[in-house]
Structures are given as C-alpha cells and as structure tokens.
Amino acid sequence: MAPEPDYSAMSTDIVLKGTLRKAKTWNKRFFVLRDGNPPKLEYYENERKWKVNKPKRQISLGNPWNIDKKKDTKHEFLIVIFTKDEYFTMAAESADVQQTWISALLKTVRPAAGLTMFKYIWQVVLENKELEMSSSNLSLHGQHRICLTHDSMVFVACNDRCNNTPAEILITNIRLCGHKENMFFIEPGRASGIGNGKLWMDVGDDAMAAQMHTTILNVMYALRQEEASCSYRGRSNSSGSNSSRTRTTRTHHNPPPSQIGMGKISSAKRNRCDSL
C-alpha cells in the first residue's frame, strides 16, 4: 500500500493551528487557519489526522461580518465568527488562547475594499407577540442576526429566500431594554418605525443574554454622551447676535450596513445633531 500523503508538509499558508472545542458537540478538534483569497478555517478530528487526512470541514472566511469574543454559562472563552453565509463558534481553554485566535483571525480575515465589519452580532430567535408592528411588510419573527452599527440596530433574517430588506432602527429610538434568563428584549419608541410594545429575542443562553443587554446599554449611553456633545457644540456655534447655525455631520465609527456588503438599507436616517 502506498504511504498516505502528509498534508501538513504541503502547506506554507498556515497562520495558526491548535486544539479548540467545536460548538454543539463541544468535542476537541484540531483547527487550522489558512491565509488566502479568501482565508479558510479547517478542522480535523485531531492533530495526528491533520498530518495525513483531508479536513472534516473547510469554512470559507470571505465576506466577513464579525469576529468576536463571547461567553455563555458553560464556556467562558468563546470565539465567534460571522460571515455572510456562516455562523461558527469555538471554545478555547483560556483567555490567552482565545486572544491568540482572535488576533490571528482579525489580522488574516479582511473585508473587501471599501467594506468593514460589524462590531457586534448576535444570532437570536425573534418573538413579536408583545409588539404591535407598524407595517405588515415587516417580518420580525423567527431566526435573525442582530447587528449593531455605531448608532443603529439591524435585523437580518436568516435563510431569507425572499431577500427582504433588513429592518433598521436607531439605538436612540429604543426606550427600554432588558433581559430575563435567556431572553433579551427591547421596547422601541414611536419614532422607531417598527411598532409599539416589546420585541423579545431568544439568545439561547442566560449569560449571552446578559452580555447582549450590557453591550447595548453601553452603546445607548455612549450615544447619549455624543448627543450631549453635539448639543453643546450647537449652542456654542449659535452664540452671538450675528452667528449662524452650523450643521454638524457625524462620522460613523462602524459604517452603515450598505458599507458592509449587505446591500442598501432603505430607511432614511436624519442627523440627530441637526435638530438640537
């Protein structure tokens, strides 16, 4: 019998390799991150099989949406990857290993020119029984990705065969948010454009729901601070009898979804500083 080829010796594109736990089964697997166009993430049953076997699965990391650290009630050091077509989670054994993989992924996985990634994404199941929706065209139920830009929350339906336009609301149009066990909710204001009441989201884990709550509260707080700063600058610009009002344009730290490879979001957004 001819000897089996050593696939590990054929590769010069390996950025990082090592043992992590794969989501769902949480069994240990040997992962290999490869540079390329696009980069790829492979996993094998173990390191020995990596040297002689083809991968059990190869994941294309083209068109990335988000790479982030997360934790749940059972795993403190999760590594989460969102691309346009994939959602993949791995668990590291320590914070150092987690950071090594996150750094390697962020260095290797590059969006196309002119595009960027969302800073935060969660995959949830929406429940709208307590929401009086303002439009019958909205489809805020079932599995969605909740994506945050600098100042808005975008609802992207998973497995959307109709290719519907994602719904988007300004963070400042959220009156209230909270969590209970594995559920997170928002209470949108009248100006949100999606309706009144509570929109619940099943995050799938208590710790993940709490983390989502904390993150969105921090974004809300940061935007209030930004609005206060805009208001102060507006008053300064209008002081004096001959002063004219100056229009202030904000810069998106995370560009809107139309710049993240999702297609154009149809809802019009005004500059909040303009009305201050």
C-alpha atoms as a PDB file:
ATOM      1  CA  MET A   1       0.000   0.000   0.000  1.00  0.00           C
ATOM      2  CA  ALA A   2       1.342   3.417  -0.930  1.00  0.00           C
ATOM      3  CA  PRO A   3       2.071   5.739   2.010  1.00  0.00           C
ATOM      4  CA  GLU A   4      -0.560   8.384   2.739  1.00  0.00           C
ATOM      5  CA  PRO A   5       0.471  11.922   1.826  1.00  0.00           C
ATOM      6  CA  ASP A   6       1.492  14.290   4.624  1.00  0.00           C
ATOM      7  CA  TYR A   7      -0.859  17.215   4.003  1.00  0.00           C
ATOM      8  CA  SER A   8       0.745  19.289   6.769  1.00  0.00           C
ATOM      9  CA  ALA A   9       4.077  19.325   4.932  1.00  0.00           C
ATOM     10  CA  MET A  10       2.491  20.676   1.742  1.00  0.00           C
ATOM     11  CA  SER A  11       1.246  23.939   3.249  1.00  0.00           C
ATOM     12  CA  THR A  12       3.001  27.285   3.563  1.00  0.00           C
ATOM     13  CA  ASP A  13      -0.169  29.306   4.158  1.00  0.00           C
ATOM     14  CA  ILE A  14      -0.836  28.278   7.772  1.00  0.00           C
ATOM     15  CA  VAL A  15      -1.354  31.286  10.073  1.00  0.00           C
ATOM     16  CA  LEU A  16      -2.299  29.429  13.258  1.00  0.00           C
ATOM     17  CA  LYS A  17      -3.163  25.915  14.338  1.00  0.00           C
ATOM     18  CA  GLY A  18      -4.184  24.290  17.589  1.00  0.00           C
ATOM     19  CA  THR A  19      -6.841  22.457  19.568  1.00  0.00           C
ATOM     20  CA  LEU A  20     -10.184  24.087  20.338  1.00  0.00           C
ATOM     21  CA  ARG A  21     -13.647  22.789  21.146  1.00  0.00           C
ATOM     22  CA  LYS A  22     -16.251  22.844  18.396  1.00  0.00           C
ATOM     23  CA  ALA A  23     -19.734  24.142  19.178  1.00  0.00           C
ATOM     24  CA  LYS A  24     -22.755  21.854  19.594  1.00  0.00           C
ATOM     25  CA  THR A  25     -20.817  18.693  20.467  1.00  0.00           C
ATOM     26  CA  TRP A  26     -18.044  20.641  22.247  1.00  0.00           C
ATOM     27  CA  ASN A  27     -15.597  17.878  21.363  1.00  0.00           C
ATOM     28  CA  LYS A  28     -11.954  18.814  20.921  1.00  0.00           C
ATOM     29  CA  ARG A  29     -10.902  19.306  17.324  1.00  0.00           C
ATOM     30  CA  PHE A  30      -7.659  20.400  15.680  1.00  0.00           C
ATOM     31  CA  PHE A  31      -8.160  23.738  13.889  1.00  0.00           C
ATOM     32  CA  VAL A  32      -6.027  25.272  11.147  1.00  0.00           C
ATOM     33  CA  LEU A  33      -6.344  28.881   9.954  1.00  0.00           C
ATOM     34  CA  ARG A  34      -5.037  29.370   6.417  1.00  0.00           C
ATOM     35  CA  ASP A  35      -4.317  32.636   4.646  1.00  0.00           C
ATOM     36  CA  GLY A  36      -5.572  33.049   1.103  1.00  0.00           C
ATOM     37  CA  ASN A  37      -8.182  34.689  -1.048  1.00  0.00           C
ATOM     38  CA  PRO A  38     -10.401  34.013   0.749  1.00  0.00           C
ATOM     39  CA  PRO A  39      -8.861  32.768   4.031  1.00  0.00           C
ATOM     40  CA  LYS A  40     -10.124  29.414   5.290  1.00  0.00           C
ATOM     41  CA  LEU A  41     -10.655  27.734   8.646  1.00  0.00           C
ATOM     42  CA  GLU A  42     -10.333  23.943   8.709  1.00  0.00           C
ATOM     43  CA  TYR A  43     -10.816  21.414  11.450  1.00  0.00           C
ATOM     44  CA  TYR A  44      -9.723  17.813  11.854  1.00  0.00           C
ATOM     45  CA  GLU A  45     -10.562  15.134  14.388  1.00  0.00           C
ATOM     46  CA  ASN A  46      -7.118  15.528  15.978  1.00  0.00           C
ATOM     47  CA  GLU A  47      -3.585  16.667  15.180  1.00  0.00           C
ATOM     48  CA  ARG A  48      -2.468  13.226  14.009  1.00  0.00           C
ATOM     49  CA  LYS A  49      -5.231  13.122  11.378  1.00  0.00           C
ATOM     50  CA  TRP A  50      -4.347  16.648  10.249  1.00  0.00           C
ATOM     51  CA  LYS A  51      -0.979  15.333   9.106  1.00  0.00           C
ATOM     52  CA  VAL A  52      -2.422  12.610   6.870  1.00  0.00           C
ATOM     53  CA  ASN A  53      -6.107  13.400   6.178  1.00  0.00           C
ATOM     54  CA  LYS A  54      -8.150  15.986   4.411  1.00  0.00           C
ATOM     55  CA  PRO A  55     -10.169  18.221   6.786  1.00  0.00           C
ATOM     56  CA  LYS A  56     -13.528  17.166   8.157  1.00  0.00           C
ATOM     57  CA  ARG A  57     -14.747  20.607   7.128  1.00  0.00           C
ATOM     58  CA  GLN A  58     -13.319  23.714   5.484  1.00  0.00           C
ATOM     59  CA  ILE A  59     -15.015  27.075   6.136  1.00  0.00           C
ATOM     60  CA  SER A  60     -14.524  29.995   3.767  1.00  0.00           C
ATOM     61  CA  LEU A  61     -13.947  33.260   5.623  1.00  0.00           C
ATOM     62  CA  GLY A  62     -14.743  35.506   2.673  1.00  0.00           C
ATOM     63  CA  ASN A  63     -17.201  38.395   3.182  1.00  0.00           C
ATOM     64  CA  PRO A  64     -16.728  38.565   6.979  1.00  0.00           C
ATOM     65  CA  TRP A  65     -19.352  40.292   9.123  1.00  0.00           C
ATOM     66  CA  ASN A  66     -17.962  39.891  12.642  1.00  0.00           C
ATOM     67  CA  ILE A  67     -15.240  38.171  14.697  1.00  0.00           C
ATOM     68  CA  ASP A  68     -15.702  38.475  18.434  1.00  0.00           C
ATOM     69  CA  LYS A  69     -15.178  37.077  21.917  1.00  0.00           C
ATOM     70  CA  LYS A  70     -18.233  35.834  23.766  1.00  0.00           C
ATOM     71  CA  LYS A  71     -19.109  33.649  26.728  1.00  0.00           C
ATOM     72  CA  ASP A  72     -22.047  31.552  27.840  1.00  0.00           C
ATOM     73  CA  THR A  73     -22.960  29.742  31.052  1.00  0.00           C
ATOM     74  CA  LYS A  74     -20.704  26.768  30.231  1.00  0.00           C
ATOM     75  CA  HIS A  75     -17.868  28.297  28.192  1.00  0.00           C
ATOM     76  CA  GLU A  76     -16.055  31.449  29.205  1.00  0.00           C
ATOM     77  CA  PHE A  77     -13.698  31.787  26.239  1.00  0.00           C
ATOM     78  CA  LEU A  78     -15.761  31.551  23.060  1.00  0.00           C
ATOM     79  CA  ILE A  79     -14.549  32.607  19.616  1.00  0.00           C
ATOM     80  CA  VAL A  80     -17.447  33.547  17.319  1.00  0.00           C
ATOM     81  CA  ILE A  81     -17.208  34.056  13.555  1.00  0.00           C
ATOM     82  CA  PHE A  82     -19.949  35.510  11.346  1.00  0.00           C
ATOM     83  CA  THR A  83     -19.625  35.700   7.586  1.00  0.00           C
ATOM     84  CA  LYS A  84     -22.391  36.368   5.092  1.00  0.00           C
ATOM     85  CA  ASP A  85     -23.087  32.623   4.884  1.00  0.00           C
ATOM     86  CA  GLU A  86     -21.610  31.135   8.066  1.00  0.00           C
ATOM     87  CA  TYR A  87     -22.018  31.306  11.847  1.00  0.00           C
ATOM     88  CA  PHE A  88     -19.364  29.295  13.653  1.00  0.00           C
ATOM     89  CA  THR A  89     -18.358  29.050  17.323  1.00  0.00           C
ATOM     90  CA  MET A  90     -15.301  27.549  19.021  1.00  0.00           C
ATOM     91  CA  ALA A  91     -14.279  27.412  22.672  1.00  0.00           C
ATOM     92  CA  ALA A  92     -10.736  27.989  23.921  1.00  0.00           C
ATOM     93  CA  GLU A  93      -9.274  26.641  27.164  1.00  0.00           C
ATOM     94  CA  SER A  94      -8.001  30.022  28.396  1.00  0.00           C
ATOM     95  CA  ALA A  95      -8.191  33.767  27.791  1.00  0.00           C
ATOM     96  CA  ASP A  96      -4.668  33.730  26.297  1.00  0.00           C
ATOM     97  CA  VAL A  97      -5.581  31.066  23.727  1.00  0.00           C
ATOM     98  CA  GLN A  98      -8.818  32.899  22.926  1.00  0.00           C
ATOM     99  CA  GLN A  99      -6.960  36.179  22.340  1.00  0.00           C
ATOM    100  CA  THR A 100      -4.325  34.486  20.172  1.00  0.00           C
ATOM    101  CA  TRP A 101      -7.009  33.123  17.854  1.00  0.00           C
ATOM    102  CA  ILE A 102      -8.987  36.392  17.801  1.00  0.00           C
ATOM    103  CA  SER A 103      -5.850  38.369  16.913  1.00  0.00           C
ATOM    104  CA  ALA A 104      -4.882  35.915  14.163  1.00  0.00           C
ATOM    105  CA  LEU A 105      -8.384  35.925  12.693  1.00  0.00           C
ATOM    106  CA  LEU A 106      -8.660  39.731  12.690  1.00  0.00           C
ATOM    107  CA  LYS A 107      -5.255  40.010  11.032  1.00  0.00           C
ATOM    108  CA  THR A 108      -5.998  37.356   8.391  1.00  0.00           C
ATOM    109  CA  VAL A 109      -9.689  37.855   7.621  1.00  0.00           C
ATOM    110  CA  ARG A 110     -10.023  41.087   5.667  1.00  0.00           C
ATOM    111  CA  PRO A 111     -13.230  42.611   4.266  1.00  0.00           C
ATOM    112  CA  ALA A 112     -13.285  43.655   0.636  1.00  0.00           C
ATOM    113  CA  ALA A 113     -12.064  47.151  -0.227  1.00  0.00           C
ATOM    114  CA  GLY A 114     -14.469  49.822   0.983  1.00  0.00           C
ATOM    115  CA  LEU A 115     -16.274  47.450   3.373  1.00  0.00           C
ATOM    116  CA  THR A 116     -15.931  46.853   7.082  1.00  0.00           C
ATOM    117  CA  MET A 117     -17.305  44.520   9.754  1.00  0.00           C
ATOM    118  CA  PHE A 118     -19.990  44.947  12.388  1.00  0.00           C
ATOM    119  CA  LYS A 119     -18.564  45.316  15.869  1.00  0.00           C
ATOM    120  CA  TYR A 120     -21.309  43.173  17.438  1.00  0.00           C
ATOM    121  CA  ILE A 121     -23.643  40.461  16.135  1.00  0.00           C
ATOM    122  CA  TRP A 122     -25.928  38.008  17.929  1.00  0.00           C
ATOM    123  CA  GLN A 123     -27.939  35.193  16.372  1.00  0.00           C
ATOM    124  CA  VAL A 124     -31.372  35.072  18.003  1.00  0.00           C
ATOM    125  CA  VAL A 125     -34.951  33.926  17.520  1.00  0.00           C
ATOM    126  CA  LEU A 126     -37.367  36.885  17.497  1.00  0.00           C
ATOM    127  CA  GLU A 127     -40.745  36.663  19.249  1.00  0.00           C
ATOM    128  CA  ASN A 128     -43.092  39.545  18.409  1.00  0.00           C
ATOM    129  CA  LYS A 129     -46.256  38.563  20.296  1.00  0.00           C
ATOM    130  CA  GLU A 130     -45.971  41.679  22.505  1.00  0.00           C
ATOM    131  CA  LEU A 131     -45.158  44.018  19.616  1.00  0.00           C
ATOM    132  CA  GLU A 132     -47.799  45.937  17.650  1.00  0.00           C
ATOM    133  CA  MET A 133     -45.941  46.276  14.364  1.00  0.00           C
ATOM    134  CA  SER A 134     -46.401  49.480  12.396  1.00  0.00           C
ATOM    135  CA  SER A 135     -46.182  47.784   9.000  1.00  0.00           C
ATOM    136  CA  SER A 136     -47.410  44.488   7.640  1.00  0.00           C
ATOM    137  CA  ASN A 137     -44.305  44.417   5.440  1.00  0.00           C
ATOM    138  CA  LEU A 138     -42.054  43.834   8.448  1.00  0.00           C
ATOM    139  CA  SER A 139     -41.119  40.259   9.252  1.00  0.00           C
ATOM    140  CA  LEU A 140     -39.718  40.446  12.772  1.00  0.00           C
ATOM    141  CA  HIS A 141     -40.081  36.830  13.835  1.00  0.00           C
ATOM    142  CA  GLY A 142     -38.008  33.699  13.637  1.00  0.00           C
ATOM    143  CA  GLN A 143     -34.250  33.398  13.394  1.00  0.00           C
ATOM    144  CA  HIS A 144     -32.396  36.672  12.828  1.00  0.00           C
ATOM    145  CA  ARG A 145     -28.985  38.211  13.192  1.00  0.00           C
ATOM    146  CA  ILE A 146     -28.996  41.317  15.374  1.00  0.00           C
ATOM    147  CA  CYS A 147     -26.212  43.551  14.050  1.00  0.00           C
ATOM    148  CA  LEU A 148     -25.022  46.792  15.648  1.00  0.00           C
ATOM    149  CA  THR A 149     -23.504  49.681  13.766  1.00  0.00           C
ATOM    150  CA  HIS A 150     -22.268  52.789  15.561  1.00  0.00           C
ATOM    151  CA  ASP A 151     -25.807  54.062  16.144  1.00  0.00           C
ATOM    152  CA  SER A 152     -28.354  51.554  14.831  1.00  0.00           C
ATOM    153  CA  MET A 153     -29.657  48.025  15.278  1.00  0.00           C
ATOM    154  CA  VAL A 154     -30.161  45.989  12.098  1.00  0.00           C
ATOM    155  CA  PHE A 155     -32.399  42.891  11.908  1.00  0.00           C
ATOM    156  CA  VAL A 156     -31.176  40.476   9.232  1.00  0.00           C
ATOM    157  CA  ALA A 157     -33.392  37.423   8.652  1.00  0.00           C
ATOM    158  CA  CYS A 158     -31.541  34.115   8.425  1.00  0.00           C
ATOM    159  CA  ASN A 159     -32.326  31.820   5.487  1.00  0.00           C
ATOM    160  CA  ASP A 160     -34.294  34.618   3.847  1.00  0.00           C
ATOM    161  CA  ARG A 161     -35.315  33.176   0.484  1.00  0.00           C
ATOM    162  CA  CYS A 162     -37.271  36.328  -0.394  1.00  0.00           C
ATOM    163  CA  ASN A 163     -34.197  38.544   0.080  1.00  0.00           C
ATOM    164  CA  ASN A 164     -36.179  41.058   2.137  1.00  0.00           C
ATOM    165  CA  THR A 165     -34.589  44.377   3.064  1.00  0.00           C
ATOM    166  CA  PRO A 166     -33.305  44.201   6.666  1.00  0.00           C
ATOM    167  CA  ALA A 167     -35.181  46.343   9.198  1.00  0.00           C
ATOM    168  CA  GLU A 168     -33.125  49.009  10.934  1.00  0.00           C
ATOM    169  CA  ILE A 169     -33.823  51.255  13.930  1.00  0.00           C
ATOM    170  CA  LEU A 170     -31.772  53.947  15.614  1.00  0.00           C
ATOM    171  CA  ILE A 171     -30.457  52.952  19.028  1.00  0.00           C
ATOM    172  CA  THR A 172     -31.758  56.252  20.406  1.00  0.00           C
ATOM    173  CA  ASN A 173     -35.287  55.166  19.414  1.00  0.00           C
ATOM    174  CA  ILE A 174     -35.119  52.285  21.904  1.00  0.00           C
ATOM    175  CA  ARG A 175     -36.920  53.388  25.070  1.00  0.00           C
ATOM    176  CA  LEU A 176     -36.053  50.376  27.194  1.00  0.00           C
ATOM    177  CA  CYS A 177     -34.143  47.133  27.052  1.00  0.00           C
ATOM    178  CA  GLY A 178     -33.624  44.248  29.455  1.00  0.00           C
ATOM    179  CA  HIS A 179     -33.187  40.526  29.848  1.00  0.00           C
ATOM    180  CA  LYS A 180     -34.736  37.637  31.726  1.00  0.00           C
ATOM    181  CA  GLU A 181     -32.929  34.292  31.780  1.00  0.00           C
ATOM    182  CA  ASN A 182     -32.036  33.518  28.138  1.00  0.00           C
ATOM    183  CA  MET A 183     -34.341  36.203  26.711  1.00  0.00           C
ATOM    184  CA  PHE A 184     -33.426  39.787  25.776  1.00  0.00           C
ATOM    185  CA  PHE A 185     -35.995  42.447  24.860  1.00  0.00           C
ATOM    186  CA  ILE A 186     -36.222  45.962  23.520  1.00  0.00           C
ATOM    187  CA  GLU A 187     -39.115  48.384  23.781  1.00  0.00           C
ATOM    188  CA  PRO A 188     -38.942  50.605  20.685  1.00  0.00           C
ATOM    189  CA  GLY A 189     -40.273  54.161  20.706  1.00  0.00           C
ATOM    190  CA  ARG A 190     -42.883  55.525  18.314  1.00  0.00           C
ATOM    191  CA  ALA A 191     -40.215  57.020  16.074  1.00  0.00           C
ATOM    192  CA  SER A 192     -38.531  53.638  15.576  1.00  0.00           C
ATOM    193  CA  GLY A 193     -40.773  52.701  12.655  1.00  0.00           C
ATOM    194  CA  ILE A 194     -41.273  49.090  13.764  1.00  0.00           C
ATOM    195  CA  GLY A 195     -44.145  49.477  16.249  1.00  0.00           C
ATOM    196  CA  ASN A 196     -45.008  49.680  19.947  1.00  0.00           C
ATOM    197  CA  GLY A 197     -44.564  47.146  22.717  1.00  0.00           C
ATOM    198  CA  LYS A 198     -41.771  44.678  23.432  1.00  0.00           C
ATOM    199  CA  LEU A 199     -39.763  42.694  20.941  1.00  0.00           C
ATOM    200  CA  TRP A 200     -38.319  39.598  22.635  1.00  0.00           C
ATOM    201  CA  MET A 201     -35.246  37.738  21.443  1.00  0.00           C
ATOM    202  CA  ASP A 202     -34.284  34.215  22.474  1.00  0.00           C
ATOM    203  CA  VAL A 203     -30.492  34.392  22.708  1.00  0.00           C
ATOM    204  CA  GLY A 204     -30.231  30.752  23.764  1.00  0.00           C
ATOM    205  CA  ASP A 205     -28.222  31.266  26.949  1.00  0.00           C
ATOM    206  CA  ASP A 206     -28.555  33.281  30.189  1.00  0.00           C
ATOM    207  CA  ALA A 207     -25.003  34.659  30.156  1.00  0.00           C
ATOM    208  CA  MET A 208     -25.228  35.554  26.465  1.00  0.00           C
ATOM    209  CA  ALA A 209     -28.485  37.475  27.054  1.00  0.00           C
ATOM    210  CA  ALA A 210     -26.889  39.389  29.944  1.00  0.00           C
ATOM    211  CA  GLN A 211     -23.860  40.186  27.779  1.00  0.00           C
ATOM    212  CA  MET A 212     -26.123  41.454  24.990  1.00  0.00           C
ATOM    213  CA  HIS A 213     -28.014  43.628  27.481  1.00  0.00           C
ATOM    214  CA  THR A 214     -24.807  45.159  28.857  1.00  0.00           C
ATOM    215  CA  THR A 215     -23.373  45.809  25.400  1.00  0.00           C
ATOM    216  CA  ILE A 216     -26.475  47.588  24.094  1.00  0.00           C
ATOM    217  CA  LEU A 217     -26.803  49.646  27.281  1.00  0.00           C
ATOM    218  CA  ASN A 218     -23.207  50.794  26.826  1.00  0.00           C
ATOM    219  CA  VAL A 219     -23.932  51.787  23.213  1.00  0.00           C
ATOM    220  CA  MET A 220     -27.044  53.704  24.329  1.00  0.00           C
ATOM    221  CA  TYR A 221     -25.020  55.527  26.980  1.00  0.00           C
ATOM    222  CA  ALA A 222     -22.248  56.409  24.508  1.00  0.00           C
ATOM    223  CA  LEU A 223     -24.801  57.834  22.041  1.00  0.00           C
ATOM    224  CA  ARG A 224     -26.378  59.975  24.760  1.00  0.00           C
ATOM    225  CA  GLN A 225     -22.934  61.345  25.560  1.00  0.00           C
ATOM    226  CA  GLU A 226     -22.408  62.051  21.860  1.00  0.00           C
ATOM    227  CA  GLU A 227     -25.751  63.829  21.610  1.00  0.00           C
ATOM    228  CA  ALA A 228     -24.875  65.958  24.642  1.00  0.00           C
ATOM    229  CA  SER A 229     -21.582  66.888  22.975  1.00  0.00           C
ATOM    230  CA  CYS A 230     -23.378  67.771  19.713  1.00  0.00           C
ATOM    231  CA  SER A 231     -25.853  69.898  21.659  1.00  0.00           C
ATOM    232  CA  TYR A 232     -23.045  71.761  23.403  1.00  0.00           C
ATOM    233  CA  ARG A 233     -21.256  72.438  20.106  1.00  0.00           C
ATOM    234  CA  GLY A 234     -24.544  73.590  18.564  1.00  0.00           C
ATOM    235  CA  ARG A 235     -25.096  76.127  21.349  1.00  0.00           C
ATOM    236  CA  SER A 236     -21.509  77.351  21.018  1.00  0.00           C
ATOM    237  CA  ASN A 237     -21.867  77.805  17.254  1.00  0.00           C
ATOM    238  CA  SER A 238     -25.106  79.765  17.626  1.00  0.00           C
ATOM    239  CA  SER A 239     -23.854  82.112  20.357  1.00  0.00           C
ATOM    240  CA  GLY A 240     -23.515  85.806  19.416  1.00  0.00           C
ATOM    241  CA  SER A 241     -26.008  88.019  17.638  1.00  0.00           C
ATOM    242  CA  ASN A 242     -24.576  87.520  14.150  1.00  0.00           C
ATOM    243  CA  SER A 243     -23.779  83.808  14.437  1.00  0.00           C
ATOM    244  CA  SER A 244     -25.429  81.374  12.049  1.00  0.00           C
ATOM    245  CA  ARG A 245     -26.255  77.808  12.924  1.00  0.00           C
ATOM    246  CA  THR A 246     -23.682  75.244  11.808  1.00  0.00           C
ATOM    247  CA  ARG A 247     -24.797  71.833  10.585  1.00  0.00           C
ATOM    248  CA  THR A 248     -22.806  69.064  12.221  1.00  0.00           C
ATOM    249  CA  THR A 249     -22.112  65.809  10.423  1.00  0.00           C
ATOM    250  CA  ARG A 250     -21.237  62.740  12.481  1.00  0.00           C
ATOM    251  CA  THR A 251     -18.734  60.164  11.386  1.00  0.00           C
ATOM    252  CA  HIS A 252     -19.775  56.505  11.665  1.00  0.00           C
ATOM    253  CA  HIS A 253     -17.194  54.528  13.628  1.00  0.00           C
ATOM    254  CA  ASN A 254     -18.945  51.452  12.262  1.00  0.00           C
ATOM    255  CA  PRO A 255     -20.338  52.344   8.814  1.00  0.00           C
ATOM    256  CA  PRO A 256     -23.960  51.559   7.986  1.00  0.00           C
ATOM    257  CA  PRO A 257     -24.978  48.171   6.532  1.00  0.00           C
ATOM    258  CA  SER A 258     -24.762  49.457   2.963  1.00  0.00           C
ATOM    259  CA  GLN A 259     -20.993  49.613   3.504  1.00  0.00           C
ATOM    260  CA  ILE A 260     -20.745  46.128   4.993  1.00  0.00           C
ATOM    261  CA  GLY A 261     -21.738  44.115   1.952  1.00  0.00           C
ATOM    262  CA  MET A 262     -25.403  43.726   2.926  1.00  0.00           C
ATOM    263  CA  GLY A 263     -26.969  45.890   0.261  1.00  0.00           C
ATOM    264  CA  LYS A 264     -28.621  49.230   0.802  1.00  0.00           C
ATOM    265  CA  ILE A 265     -30.876  49.818   3.808  1.00  0.00           C
ATOM    266  CA  SER A 266     -33.955  51.697   2.692  1.00  0.00           C
ATOM    267  CA  SER A 267     -34.912  53.534   5.879  1.00  0.00           C
ATOM    268  CA  ALA A 268     -33.870  57.196   5.818  1.00  0.00           C
ATOM    269  CA  LYS A 269     -31.894  58.457   8.789  1.00  0.00           C
ATOM    270  CA  ARG A 270     -31.554  62.077   9.891  1.00  0.00           C
ATOM    271  CA  ASN A 271     -28.558  63.542  11.692  1.00  0.00           C
ATOM    272  CA  ARG A 272     -29.617  63.833  15.300  1.00  0.00           C
ATOM    273  CA  CYS A 273     -27.400  66.873  15.823  1.00  0.00           C
ATOM    274  CA  ASP A 274     -29.391  68.795  13.207  1.00  0.00           C
ATOM    275  CA  SER A 275     -32.416  69.226  15.454  1.00  0.00           C
ATOM    276  CA  LEU A 276     -30.528  70.206  18.574  1.00  0.00           C
END
